[in-house]
């Protein structure tokens, strides 16, 4: 029931009587629902003028979408995961989500990053998922997170890209992360769901925020900018994506620590990325290894920037 009220809210105050009439509820019931939304993290202002979302809230009608991505957008208070919600929407037999559909949430109870890690959400975060309808060639999947990283870097206005899926600030603190989950069928992906979490004005301990590079940025404005950049970079030629990623990288040329199943933990210097998006690492003995998946730890601190 709170979701029905949420769908009616804008940044213009509306009275409890008007909202109640639209929902078939009493003014008292509307007030109770409004407080439930606030408990879920929705930035809802309650005043004598009525009920309104705070400016900059990434809700439908408040995100200035310029392309196909985000044209269909659903906004929630608290859900388990934007990834799960978008997959459920895509599978809806009555009104399936179209290509480019977006789900945004204020809080996730089961938000996740790569390799099963938890992605913390709260005030000042922007967490959303984008549906990419296929068919998508399997060969294109490894470079999609790199393309998304380039889009994030451009929209954030600063920071650096850590292979394969993080945006860091000048002190190496995490600003944003990317998760790509694809539904495979044969030699193609029927669809993929791209999840992105950004610390906009607040962050967990040890992480950074994008407003360092874009003071005064709103979550709605940043979401619009990220979607516009994704529209540009997700379908750009691979060579162009890799060139842009290299230019923004904080991984290449640095000592890194990683683990390969056949060799265990290793260290070397990140030399380049190949056309499949894998990391090429030069070992101390002169050999070169290819890291196609997993985690890479930067050794030492980044220079402030």
Protein backbone atom coordinates (compact mmCIF):
# COMPACT_ATOMS: atom_id res chain seq x y z
CA UNK A 1 0.00 0.00 0.00
CA UNK A 2 2.79 2.58 0.66
CA UNK A 3 3.92 2.01 -2.94
CA UNK A 4 0.56 3.26 -4.23
CA UNK A 5 1.04 6.52 -2.35
CA UNK A 6 4.65 6.77 -3.55
CA UNK A 7 3.48 6.63 -7.18
CA UNK A 8 1.39 9.77 -6.65
CA UNK A 9 4.02 11.90 -4.93
CA UNK A 10 5.94 14.70 -6.64
CA UNK A 11 8.00 17.63 -5.40
CA UNK A 12 4.80 19.73 -5.28
CA UNK A 13 2.93 19.37 -1.94
CA UNK A 14 -0.41 17.61 -2.13
CA UNK A 15 -2.97 17.59 0.66
CA UNK A 16 -3.90 14.47 2.55
CA UNK A 17 -7.49 14.91 1.38
CA UNK A 18 -6.50 14.98 -2.30
CA UNK A 19 -4.18 12.00 -1.98
CA UNK A 20 -6.81 10.12 0.03
CA UNK A 21 -9.41 10.75 -2.65
CA UNK A 22 -7.05 9.37 -5.31
CA UNK A 23 -6.34 6.27 -3.23
CA UNK A 24 -9.79 5.76 -1.75
CA UNK A 25 -8.41 6.26 1.76
CA UNK A 26 -8.92 8.61 4.67
CA UNK A 27 -6.55 11.47 5.43
CA UNK A 28 -5.44 9.61 8.56
CA UNK A 29 -4.55 6.54 6.48
CA UNK A 30 -2.57 8.68 4.06
CA UNK A 31 -0.60 10.12 6.96
CA UNK A 32 0.17 6.63 8.27
CA UNK A 33 1.37 5.51 4.84
CA UNK A 34 3.51 8.62 4.51
CA UNK A 35 5.28 7.85 7.76
CA UNK A 36 5.85 4.26 6.65
CA UNK A 37 7.54 5.58 3.51
CA UNK A 38 9.74 7.86 5.59
CA UNK A 39 10.69 4.87 7.74
CA UNK A 40 11.80 3.13 4.53
CA UNK A 41 14.14 5.99 3.71
CA UNK A 42 11.99 7.90 1.22
CA UNK A 43 12.86 11.64 1.52
CA UNK A 44 9.27 12.74 2.06
CA UNK A 45 8.50 16.18 3.46
CA UNK A 46 5.33 16.52 5.53
CA UNK A 47 4.05 20.04 6.13
CA UNK A 48 0.85 22.04 6.43
CA UNK A 49 0.89 22.31 2.64
CA UNK A 50 0.80 18.54 2.31
CA UNK A 51 3.12 15.73 1.27
CA UNK A 52 5.98 16.11 -1.20
CA UNK A 53 9.21 14.41 -2.19
CA UNK A 54 12.40 16.33 -1.52
CA UNK A 55 13.93 17.97 -4.62
CA UNK A 56 16.50 15.72 -6.28
CA UNK A 57 14.71 12.47 -5.42
CA UNK A 58 15.32 9.92 -8.23
CA UNK A 59 11.62 9.16 -8.79
CA UNK A 60 9.62 8.91 -12.04
CA UNK A 61 9.01 12.31 -13.58
CA UNK A 62 11.85 13.86 -11.54
CA UNK A 63 14.75 12.34 -13.52
CA UNK A 64 15.37 14.26 -16.77
CA UNK A 65 15.84 11.26 -19.08
CA UNK A 66 17.19 12.10 -22.54
CA UNK A 67 17.36 8.66 -24.18
CA UNK A 68 15.95 5.15 -24.07
CA UNK A 69 17.58 4.16 -20.79
CA UNK A 70 15.36 5.19 -17.88
CA UNK A 71 12.30 6.02 -19.94
CA UNK A 72 10.55 3.30 -17.92
CA UNK A 73 11.50 3.83 -14.27
CA UNK A 74 10.20 2.43 -10.99
CA UNK A 75 11.16 3.92 -7.64
CA UNK A 76 10.89 2.15 -4.29
CA UNK A 77 11.54 2.81 -0.64
CA UNK A 78 12.85 -0.42 0.85
CA UNK A 79 13.16 -3.63 -1.20
CA UNK A 80 15.44 -6.65 -1.13
CA UNK A 81 17.45 -5.77 -4.25
CA UNK A 82 17.05 -3.60 -7.34
CA UNK A 83 18.54 -6.49 -9.34
CA UNK A 84 15.81 -8.86 -8.15
CA UNK A 85 13.04 -6.29 -8.59
CA UNK A 86 14.09 -5.54 -12.16
CA UNK A 87 14.34 -9.23 -13.10
CA UNK A 88 10.84 -9.78 -11.68
CA UNK A 89 9.56 -6.82 -13.70
CA UNK A 90 11.23 -8.17 -16.85
CA UNK A 91 9.50 -11.52 -16.32
CA UNK A 92 6.05 -10.00 -15.70
CA UNK A 93 3.71 -11.76 -18.18
CA UNK A 94 1.32 -8.79 -18.27
CA UNK A 95 3.63 -5.75 -18.47
CA UNK A 96 7.25 -6.89 -18.88
CA UNK A 97 9.92 -4.26 -18.45
CA UNK A 98 11.24 -2.92 -21.76
CA UNK A 99 14.87 -2.56 -22.76
CA UNK A 100 16.40 0.27 -20.75
CA UNK A 101 13.99 -0.04 -17.83
CA UNK A 102 15.39 1.16 -14.50
CA UNK A 103 14.61 0.29 -10.88
CA UNK A 104 15.79 2.67 -8.14
CA UNK A 105 15.53 2.08 -4.39
CA UNK A 106 16.33 4.05 -1.27
CA UNK A 107 17.27 0.97 0.73
CA UNK A 108 18.10 -2.65 -0.03
CA UNK A 109 17.79 -5.41 2.54
CA UNK A 110 19.76 -7.84 0.35
CA UNK A 111 21.80 -5.55 -1.91
CA UNK A 112 24.89 -7.20 -3.31
CA UNK A 113 28.05 -6.46 -5.18
CA UNK A 114 30.42 -8.76 -7.01
CA UNK A 115 31.28 -12.17 -5.54
CA UNK A 116 28.35 -12.03 -3.10
CA UNK A 117 29.49 -8.98 -1.16
CA UNK A 118 26.92 -6.76 0.52
CA UNK A 119 26.36 -3.26 -0.88
CA UNK A 120 25.32 -0.96 1.95
CA UNK A 121 22.63 1.61 1.20
CA UNK A 122 21.29 4.58 3.08
CA UNK A 123 20.81 8.32 2.97
CA UNK A 124 22.94 9.94 0.28
CA UNK A 125 23.29 6.78 -1.84
CA UNK A 126 22.03 6.15 -5.36
CA UNK A 127 21.31 2.48 -6.06
CA UNK A 128 19.72 1.35 -9.31
CA UNK A 129 19.60 -1.38 -11.96
CA UNK A 130 19.23 -1.12 -15.74
CA UNK A 131 17.73 -3.81 -17.98
CA UNK A 132 19.63 -4.62 -21.18
CA UNK A 133 17.48 -6.73 -23.47
CA UNK A 134 19.35 -9.06 -25.80
CA UNK A 135 20.39 -11.00 -27.54
CA UNK A 136 23.84 -9.97 -26.37
CA UNK A 137 26.86 -11.92 -27.71
CA UNK A 138 28.76 -13.64 -24.92
CA UNK A 139 31.97 -12.04 -26.16
CA UNK A 140 30.54 -8.59 -25.38
CA UNK A 141 29.69 -9.29 -21.72
CA UNK A 142 33.19 -8.90 -20.17
CA UNK A 143 33.59 -5.37 -21.55
CA UNK A 144 30.13 -4.11 -20.50
CA UNK A 145 31.28 -3.41 -16.89
CA UNK A 146 34.28 -1.52 -18.28
CA UNK A 147 31.96 0.56 -20.49
CA UNK A 148 29.75 1.22 -17.46
CA UNK A 149 32.84 2.28 -15.53
CA UNK A 150 33.72 4.82 -18.21
CA UNK A 151 30.14 6.13 -18.08
CA UNK A 152 30.33 6.45 -14.28
CA UNK A 153 33.67 8.24 -14.45
CA UNK A 154 32.33 10.77 -16.97
CA UNK A 155 29.12 11.37 -15.01
CA UNK A 156 30.90 11.66 -11.64
CA UNK A 157 33.30 14.24 -13.00
CA UNK A 158 36.38 12.70 -11.42
CA UNK A 159 37.93 9.75 -9.65
CA UNK A 160 39.65 6.78 -11.27
CA UNK A 161 38.68 3.31 -12.44
CA UNK A 162 39.92 0.22 -10.64
CA UNK A 163 39.75 -3.01 -12.64
CA UNK A 164 37.26 -4.45 -13.16
CA UNK A 165 34.28 -2.64 -11.67
CA UNK A 166 34.99 0.16 -9.17
CA UNK A 167 35.24 3.94 -9.25
CA UNK A 168 37.65 5.31 -6.62
CA UNK A 169 38.51 8.78 -5.41
CA UNK A 170 42.03 10.19 -5.21
CA UNK A 171 42.72 8.46 -1.88
CA UNK A 172 41.60 5.07 -3.16
CA UNK A 173 38.22 5.20 -1.41
CA UNK A 174 35.32 3.59 -3.21
CA UNK A 175 32.84 5.96 -4.86
CA UNK A 176 30.81 3.48 -6.89
CA UNK A 177 30.56 -0.17 -7.85
CA UNK A 178 29.13 -2.13 -10.76
CA UNK A 179 27.50 -5.57 -10.94
CA UNK A 180 26.50 -7.27 -14.20
CA UNK A 181 24.25 -10.33 -14.09
CA UNK A 182 23.38 -11.99 -17.40
CA UNK A 183 20.83 -14.65 -18.30
CA UNK A 184 22.67 -16.95 -20.69
CA UNK A 185 21.16 -19.04 -23.44
CA UNK A 186 23.54 -20.93 -25.71
CA UNK A 187 26.10 -18.54 -27.18
CA UNK A 188 24.13 -15.41 -26.22
CA UNK A 189 22.73 -13.61 -23.23
CA UNK A 190 18.96 -13.26 -23.47
CA UNK A 191 19.19 -10.25 -21.20
CA UNK A 192 21.51 -8.64 -18.68
CA UNK A 193 20.84 -6.57 -15.59
CA UNK A 194 23.41 -3.90 -14.80
CA UNK A 195 23.45 -2.85 -11.15
CA UNK A 196 25.17 0.33 -9.98
CA UNK A 197 25.65 1.75 -6.51
CA UNK A 198 27.02 5.27 -6.00
CA UNK A 199 27.91 7.12 -2.81
CA UNK A 200 26.61 10.57 -3.71
CA UNK A 201 26.63 12.66 -0.53
CA UNK A 202 27.16 10.01 2.15
CA UNK A 203 29.15 6.79 2.35
CA UNK A 204 30.04 3.90 4.67
CA UNK A 205 33.20 4.29 6.72
CA UNK A 206 36.27 4.16 4.51
CA UNK A 207 34.44 5.06 1.30
CA UNK A 208 34.21 8.38 -0.59
CA UNK A 209 31.44 10.48 -2.12
CA UNK A 210 30.87 11.88 -5.61
CA UNK A 211 29.91 15.34 -4.35
CA UNK A 212 33.63 15.87 -3.81
CA UNK A 213 33.85 16.25 -7.60
CA UNK A 214 30.37 17.64 -8.18
CA UNK A 215 29.37 19.86 -5.24
CA UNK A 216 25.62 20.31 -5.01
CA UNK A 217 24.81 17.38 -7.30
CA UNK A 218 21.41 15.76 -6.72
CA UNK A 219 20.72 12.06 -7.00
CA UNK A 220 18.11 12.65 -9.73
CA UNK A 221 20.56 14.76 -11.72
CA UNK A 222 23.37 12.26 -11.30
CA UNK A 223 21.11 9.37 -12.32
CA UNK A 224 20.13 11.24 -15.49
CA UNK A 225 23.79 11.92 -16.28
CA UNK A 226 24.83 8.30 -15.68
CA UNK A 227 22.02 7.00 -17.90
CA UNK A 228 22.99 9.41 -20.68
CA UNK A 229 26.63 8.28 -20.46
CA UNK A 230 25.59 4.62 -20.41
CA UNK A 231 23.59 5.26 -23.57
CA UNK A 232 26.80 6.50 -25.15
CA UNK A 233 29.32 3.96 -23.87
CA UNK A 234 27.49 0.62 -23.59
CA UNK A 235 27.20 0.44 -27.37
CA UNK A 236 30.46 2.15 -28.31
CA UNK A 237 33.11 0.17 -30.25
CA UNK A 238 35.19 -2.02 -27.94
CA UNK A 239 38.46 -0.33 -28.91
CA UNK A 240 37.00 3.07 -28.02
CA UNK A 241 35.73 1.81 -24.67
CA UNK A 242 39.09 0.29 -23.76
CA UNK A 243 40.95 3.44 -24.74
CA UNK A 244 38.68 5.57 -22.53
CA UNK A 245 38.98 3.06 -19.69
CA UNK A 246 42.77 3.08 -19.89
CA UNK A 247 42.81 6.90 -19.73
CA UNK A 248 40.78 6.86 -16.49
CA UNK A 249 42.45 3.81 -14.91
CA UNK A 250 44.14 3.82 -11.51
CA UNK A 251 45.12 0.16 -11.97
CA UNK A 252 47.39 0.19 -15.01
CA UNK A 253 51.06 0.76 -14.28
CA UNK A 254 50.62 -0.04 -10.58
CA UNK A 255 51.71 -2.99 -8.48
CA UNK A 256 48.76 -5.33 -7.88
CA UNK A 257 48.04 -8.40 -5.83
CA UNK A 258 45.68 -11.08 -7.13
CA UNK A 259 44.89 -14.77 -7.02
CA UNK A 260 44.72 -17.36 -9.81
CA UNK A 261 43.19 -20.77 -9.22
CA UNK A 262 46.16 -22.61 -10.70
CA UNK A 263 48.88 -20.52 -9.05
CA UNK A 264 47.41 -19.07 -5.85
CA UNK A 265 48.24 -15.55 -4.68
CA UNK A 266 50.53 -13.55 -6.93
CA UNK A 267 51.90 -10.03 -7.35
CA UNK A 268 52.97 -8.08 -10.39
CA UNK A 269 52.47 -4.84 -12.27
CA UNK A 270 49.22 -4.25 -14.17
CA UNK A 271 50.37 -3.59 -17.72
CA UNK A 272 47.24 -3.36 -19.87
CA UNK A 273 43.80 -4.79 -20.66
CA UNK A 274 43.13 -6.94 -23.72
CA UNK A 275 40.19 -6.80 -26.15
CA UNK A 276 38.19 -9.11 -23.88
CA UNK A 277 38.61 -6.76 -20.92
CA UNK A 278 41.01 -9.07 -19.07
CA UNK A 279 43.88 -7.58 -17.07
CA UNK A 280 47.42 -8.27 -18.28
CA UNK A 281 49.91 -8.43 -15.41
CA UNK A 282 53.72 -8.51 -15.72
CA UNK A 283 55.30 -10.76 -13.09
CA UNK A 284 58.70 -10.09 -11.47
CA UNK A 285 60.27 -12.96 -13.44
CA UNK A 286 59.29 -11.39 -16.77
CA UNK A 287 56.30 -13.60 -17.51
CA UNK A 288 52.87 -12.13 -18.24
CA UNK A 289 49.61 -13.56 -16.95
CA UNK A 290 46.03 -12.81 -17.90
CA UNK A 291 43.53 -12.17 -15.12
CA UNK A 292 40.03 -12.64 -16.52
CA UNK A 293 37.97 -12.61 -13.32
CA UNK A 294 38.24 -12.17 -9.59
CA UNK A 295 39.60 -9.38 -7.47
CA UNK A 296 42.72 -7.28 -7.85
CA UNK A 297 44.12 -5.37 -4.89
CA UNK A 298 46.15 -2.23 -5.50
CA UNK A 299 49.43 -2.30 -3.59
CA UNK A 300 50.30 1.01 -1.94
CA UNK A 301 48.29 4.24 -1.80
CA UNK A 302 47.02 6.41 -4.60
CA UNK A 303 48.24 9.96 -4.95
CA UNK A 304 45.65 12.51 -3.83
CA UNK A 305 43.67 13.99 -6.68
